[in-house]
Amino acid sequence: MDSFNRELIKIMTTMLDEPNDTEWEAKLPTVILADNTAVHKALNLSSFFLTYLRDPAMPIFQLGEMGRPFYGEDCAADALTSPDEGSL
């Protein structure tokens, strides 16, 4: 949580036009969306994808071949199943 707060403060400081800008609440949803859809280095996945097992439906993702393939109804169960589990 502390790393998120540090990142939030860093981004909000960059987005605010003036040090005493009081319109920070209006910019908060954009910052949260940016954090939830950012790909994390260690996992190579976004928090949004880990939560919903799909990329968000946003116009930017439909401009090219940026989306992930649809894995089907059993994607979550398959992701949690170890490949060696069948050989036990």
N, C-alpha and C. Protein backbone atom coordinates (compact mmCIF):
# COMPACT_ATOMS: atom_id res chain seq x y z
N MET A 1 0.82 -1.19 0.00
CA MET A 1 0.00 0.00 0.00
C MET A 1 0.87 1.26 0.00
N ASP A 2 1.99 1.21 0.70
CA ASP A 2 2.86 2.38 0.75
C ASP A 2 3.42 2.72 -0.62
N SER A 3 3.75 1.70 -1.41
CA SER A 3 4.28 1.98 -2.74
C SER A 3 3.21 2.60 -3.63
N PHE A 4 1.96 2.16 -3.47
CA PHE A 4 0.87 2.78 -4.23
C PHE A 4 0.71 4.24 -3.83
N ASN A 5 0.75 4.52 -2.54
CA ASN A 5 0.61 5.91 -2.08
C ASN A 5 1.73 6.79 -2.60
N ARG A 6 2.96 6.27 -2.60
CA ARG A 6 4.09 7.05 -3.15
C ARG A 6 3.86 7.33 -4.63
N GLU A 7 3.43 6.32 -5.36
CA GLU A 7 3.18 6.49 -6.80
C GLU A 7 2.01 7.46 -7.04
N LEU A 8 0.98 7.35 -6.23
CA LEU A 8 -0.18 8.24 -6.35
C LEU A 8 0.24 9.69 -6.13
N ILE A 9 1.02 9.94 -5.11
CA ILE A 9 1.48 11.31 -4.83
C ILE A 9 2.36 11.82 -5.97
N LYS A 10 3.21 10.96 -6.49
CA LYS A 10 4.09 11.36 -7.59
C LYS A 10 3.28 11.74 -8.84
N ILE A 11 2.30 10.93 -9.18
CA ILE A 11 1.50 11.19 -10.37
C ILE A 11 0.62 12.42 -10.17
N MET A 12 -0.01 12.53 -9.00
CA MET A 12 -0.88 13.68 -8.75
C MET A 12 -0.09 14.98 -8.75
N THR A 13 1.12 14.96 -8.23
CA THR A 13 1.96 16.16 -8.24
C THR A 13 2.27 16.57 -9.67
N THR A 14 2.48 15.60 -10.54
CA THR A 14 2.75 15.89 -11.95
C THR A 14 1.51 16.42 -12.65
N MET A 15 0.35 15.88 -12.33
CA MET A 15 -0.89 16.26 -13.03
C MET A 15 -1.45 17.61 -12.60
N LEU A 16 -1.19 18.02 -11.37
CA LEU A 16 -1.75 19.27 -10.90
C LEU A 16 -1.00 20.44 -11.52
N ASP A 17 -1.77 21.42 -11.97
CA ASP A 17 -1.18 22.57 -12.66
C ASP A 17 -0.42 23.49 -11.72
N GLU A 18 -0.94 23.66 -10.52
CA GLU A 18 -0.32 24.55 -9.56
C GLU A 18 -0.21 23.82 -8.22
N PRO A 19 0.74 24.22 -7.39
CA PRO A 19 0.90 23.56 -6.08
C PRO A 19 -0.36 23.63 -5.21
N ASN A 20 -1.14 24.69 -5.33
CA ASN A 20 -2.34 24.86 -4.51
C ASN A 20 -3.62 24.50 -5.27
N ASP A 21 -3.51 23.70 -6.30
CA ASP A 21 -4.67 23.30 -7.09
C ASP A 21 -5.61 22.47 -6.23
N THR A 22 -6.87 22.85 -6.19
CA THR A 22 -7.85 22.14 -5.37
C THR A 22 -8.72 21.18 -6.18
N GLU A 23 -8.44 21.02 -7.44
CA GLU A 23 -9.24 20.15 -8.31
C GLU A 23 -8.66 18.74 -8.42
N TRP A 24 -7.92 18.31 -7.41
CA TRP A 24 -7.27 16.99 -7.47
C TRP A 24 -8.28 15.86 -7.47
N GLU A 25 -9.44 16.04 -6.85
CA GLU A 25 -10.44 14.98 -6.80
C GLU A 25 -10.96 14.62 -8.18
N ALA A 26 -11.06 15.60 -9.06
CA ALA A 26 -11.54 15.34 -10.42
C ALA A 26 -10.55 14.51 -11.23
N LYS A 27 -9.28 14.56 -10.86
CA LYS A 27 -8.24 13.83 -11.60
C LYS A 27 -7.97 12.45 -11.02
N LEU A 28 -8.50 12.15 -9.85
CA LEU A 28 -8.24 10.89 -9.17
C LEU A 28 -8.70 9.65 -9.95
N PRO A 29 -9.89 9.63 -10.57
CA PRO A 29 -10.29 8.44 -11.34
C PRO A 29 -9.34 8.12 -12.49
N THR A 30 -8.79 9.13 -13.12
CA THR A 30 -7.83 8.91 -14.20
C THR A 30 -6.56 8.26 -13.68
N VAL A 31 -6.11 8.71 -12.53
CA VAL A 31 -4.90 8.15 -11.92
C VAL A 31 -5.13 6.70 -11.51
N ILE A 32 -6.27 6.42 -10.92
CA ILE A 32 -6.59 5.05 -10.50
C ILE A 32 -6.68 4.12 -11.71
N LEU A 33 -7.32 4.58 -12.79
CA LEU A 33 -7.40 3.77 -14.01
C LEU A 33 -6.01 3.52 -14.58
N ALA A 34 -5.17 4.53 -14.58
CA ALA A 34 -3.81 4.36 -15.09
C ALA A 34 -3.04 3.33 -14.28
N ASP A 35 -3.19 3.37 -12.96
CA ASP A 35 -2.49 2.40 -12.11
C ASP A 35 -3.04 0.99 -12.31
N ASN A 36 -4.35 0.85 -12.41
CA ASN A 36 -4.95 -0.48 -12.55
C ASN A 36 -4.67 -1.13 -13.91
N THR A 37 -4.42 -0.32 -14.93
CA THR A 37 -4.18 -0.88 -16.26
C THR A 37 -2.70 -0.90 -16.63
N ALA A 38 -1.83 -0.39 -15.75
CA ALA A 38 -0.39 -0.43 -16.01
C ALA A 38 0.12 -1.86 -15.85
N VAL A 39 1.00 -2.27 -16.76
CA VAL A 39 1.59 -3.60 -16.69
C VAL A 39 2.73 -3.56 -15.68
N HIS A 40 2.66 -4.44 -14.69
CA HIS A 40 3.68 -4.50 -13.65
C HIS A 40 4.85 -5.36 -14.13
N LYS A 41 6.06 -4.89 -13.86
CA LYS A 41 7.27 -5.53 -14.36
C LYS A 41 7.41 -6.99 -13.93
N ALA A 42 7.18 -7.27 -12.67
CA ALA A 42 7.41 -8.61 -12.14
C ALA A 42 6.45 -9.65 -12.72
N LEU A 43 5.21 -9.26 -12.92
CA LEU A 43 4.20 -10.21 -13.40
C LEU A 43 3.95 -10.14 -14.89
N ASN A 44 4.31 -9.03 -15.51
CA ASN A 44 4.04 -8.77 -16.91
C ASN A 44 2.54 -8.78 -17.18
N LEU A 45 1.76 -8.40 -16.18
CA LEU A 45 0.30 -8.31 -16.27
C LEU A 45 -0.15 -7.07 -15.51
N SER A 46 -1.34 -6.60 -15.81
CA SER A 46 -1.90 -5.47 -15.08
C SER A 46 -2.78 -5.97 -13.95
N SER A 47 -3.03 -5.11 -12.97
CA SER A 47 -3.93 -5.45 -11.88
C SER A 47 -5.33 -5.72 -12.40
N PHE A 48 -5.75 -4.95 -13.40
CA PHE A 48 -7.07 -5.15 -13.98
C PHE A 48 -7.17 -6.55 -14.57
N PHE A 49 -6.16 -6.98 -15.33
CA PHE A 49 -6.20 -8.31 -15.94
C PHE A 49 -6.20 -9.41 -14.88
N LEU A 50 -5.44 -9.24 -13.82
CA LEU A 50 -5.40 -10.24 -12.76
C LEU A 50 -6.73 -10.34 -12.02
N THR A 51 -7.47 -9.23 -11.95
CA THR A 51 -8.76 -9.23 -11.27
C THR A 51 -9.87 -9.82 -12.14
N TYR A 52 -9.92 -9.40 -13.43
CA TYR A 52 -11.04 -9.76 -14.29
C TYR A 52 -10.69 -10.77 -15.39
N LEU A 53 -9.41 -11.14 -15.49
CA LEU A 53 -8.91 -12.07 -16.52
C LEU A 53 -9.24 -11.61 -17.93
N ARG A 54 -9.22 -10.31 -18.12
CA ARG A 54 -9.38 -9.69 -19.44
C ARG A 54 -8.86 -8.27 -19.37
N ASP A 55 -8.53 -7.70 -20.51
CA ASP A 55 -8.13 -6.31 -20.56
C ASP A 55 -9.38 -5.44 -20.52
N PRO A 56 -9.27 -4.20 -20.05
CA PRO A 56 -10.44 -3.33 -20.01
C PRO A 56 -10.92 -3.00 -21.43
N ALA A 57 -12.22 -2.82 -21.58
CA ALA A 57 -12.79 -2.45 -22.88
C ALA A 57 -12.67 -0.94 -23.03
N MET A 58 -11.55 -0.52 -23.62
CA MET A 58 -11.29 0.90 -23.82
C MET A 58 -10.94 1.12 -25.28
N PRO A 59 -11.31 2.26 -25.84
CA PRO A 59 -11.03 2.51 -27.26
C PRO A 59 -9.56 2.38 -27.63
N ILE A 60 -8.65 2.74 -26.74
CA ILE A 60 -7.22 2.67 -27.05
C ILE A 60 -6.77 1.24 -27.31
N PHE A 61 -7.39 0.28 -26.63
CA PHE A 61 -7.01 -1.12 -26.80
C PHE A 61 -7.56 -1.72 -28.09
N GLN A 62 -8.50 -1.04 -28.74
CA GLN A 62 -9.10 -1.57 -29.95
C GLN A 62 -8.50 -0.98 -31.21
N LEU A 63 -7.44 -0.20 -31.08
CA LEU A 63 -6.81 0.41 -32.24
C LEU A 63 -5.94 -0.56 -33.02
N GLY A 64 -5.45 -1.57 -32.38
CA GLY A 64 -4.56 -2.51 -33.05
C GLY A 64 -4.68 -3.87 -32.42
N GLU A 65 -3.65 -4.64 -32.54
CA GLU A 65 -3.64 -6.00 -32.00
C GLU A 65 -3.08 -6.01 -30.59
N MET A 66 -3.52 -5.09 -29.77
CA MET A 66 -3.00 -4.99 -28.42
C MET A 66 -3.72 -5.91 -27.44
N GLY A 67 -4.91 -6.36 -27.78
CA GLY A 67 -5.71 -7.15 -26.86
C GLY A 67 -5.19 -8.58 -26.71
N ARG A 68 -5.62 -9.22 -25.66
CA ARG A 68 -5.28 -10.61 -25.42
C ARG A 68 -6.36 -11.49 -26.06
N PRO A 69 -6.03 -12.70 -26.42
CA PRO A 69 -7.05 -13.59 -26.95
C PRO A 69 -8.04 -13.99 -25.85
N PHE A 70 -9.25 -14.32 -26.24
CA PHE A 70 -10.25 -14.80 -25.28
C PHE A 70 -9.90 -16.24 -24.94
N TYR A 71 -9.76 -16.51 -23.66
CA TYR A 71 -9.30 -17.82 -23.24
C TYR A 71 -10.44 -18.79 -22.95
N GLY A 72 -11.66 -18.30 -22.84
CA GLY A 72 -12.78 -19.19 -22.60
C GLY A 72 -13.26 -19.15 -21.16
N GLU A 73 -14.33 -19.87 -20.90
CA GLU A 73 -14.97 -19.87 -19.59
C GLU A 73 -14.08 -20.46 -18.50
N ASP A 74 -13.25 -21.44 -18.84
CA ASP A 74 -12.44 -22.15 -17.84
C ASP A 74 -11.04 -21.56 -17.69
N CYS A 75 -10.84 -20.34 -18.14
CA CYS A 75 -9.52 -19.72 -18.09
C CYS A 75 -8.99 -19.64 -16.66
N ALA A 76 -9.82 -19.21 -15.72
CA ALA A 76 -9.37 -19.06 -14.34
C ALA A 76 -8.99 -20.40 -13.74
N ALA A 77 -9.81 -21.41 -13.97
CA ALA A 77 -9.50 -22.74 -13.43
C ALA A 77 -8.22 -23.29 -14.06
N ASP A 78 -8.06 -23.09 -15.36
CA ASP A 78 -6.85 -23.56 -16.04
C ASP A 78 -5.61 -22.83 -15.54
N ALA A 79 -5.75 -21.54 -15.25
CA ALA A 79 -4.61 -20.76 -14.78
C ALA A 79 -4.17 -21.20 -13.39
N LEU A 80 -5.12 -21.66 -12.58
CA LEU A 80 -4.79 -22.08 -11.22
C LEU A 80 -4.34 -23.53 -11.14
N THR A 81 -4.54 -24.29 -12.20
CA THR A 81 -4.16 -25.69 -12.22
C THR A 81 -2.70 -25.82 -12.63
N SER A 82 -1.95 -26.53 -11.84
CA SER A 82 -0.54 -26.76 -12.13
C SER A 82 -0.42 -27.72 -13.30
N PRO A 83 0.54 -27.51 -14.22
CA PRO A 83 0.70 -28.45 -15.33
C PRO A 83 1.11 -29.85 -14.87
N ASP A 84 1.73 -29.94 -13.68
CA ASP A 84 2.17 -31.24 -13.16
C ASP A 84 1.09 -31.93 -12.34
N GLU A 85 -0.04 -31.27 -12.13
CA GLU A 85 -1.07 -31.83 -11.27
C GLU A 85 -1.65 -33.13 -11.82
N GLY A 86 -1.74 -33.24 -13.13
CA GLY A 86 -2.30 -34.45 -13.74
C GLY A 86 -1.40 -35.66 -13.60
N SER A 87 -0.13 -35.46 -13.32
CA SER A 87 0.80 -36.59 -13.26
C SER A 87 0.96 -37.14 -11.85
N LEU A 88 0.16 -36.62 -10.86
CA LEU A 88 0.27 -37.10 -9.48
C LEU A 88 -0.35 -38.44 -9.29
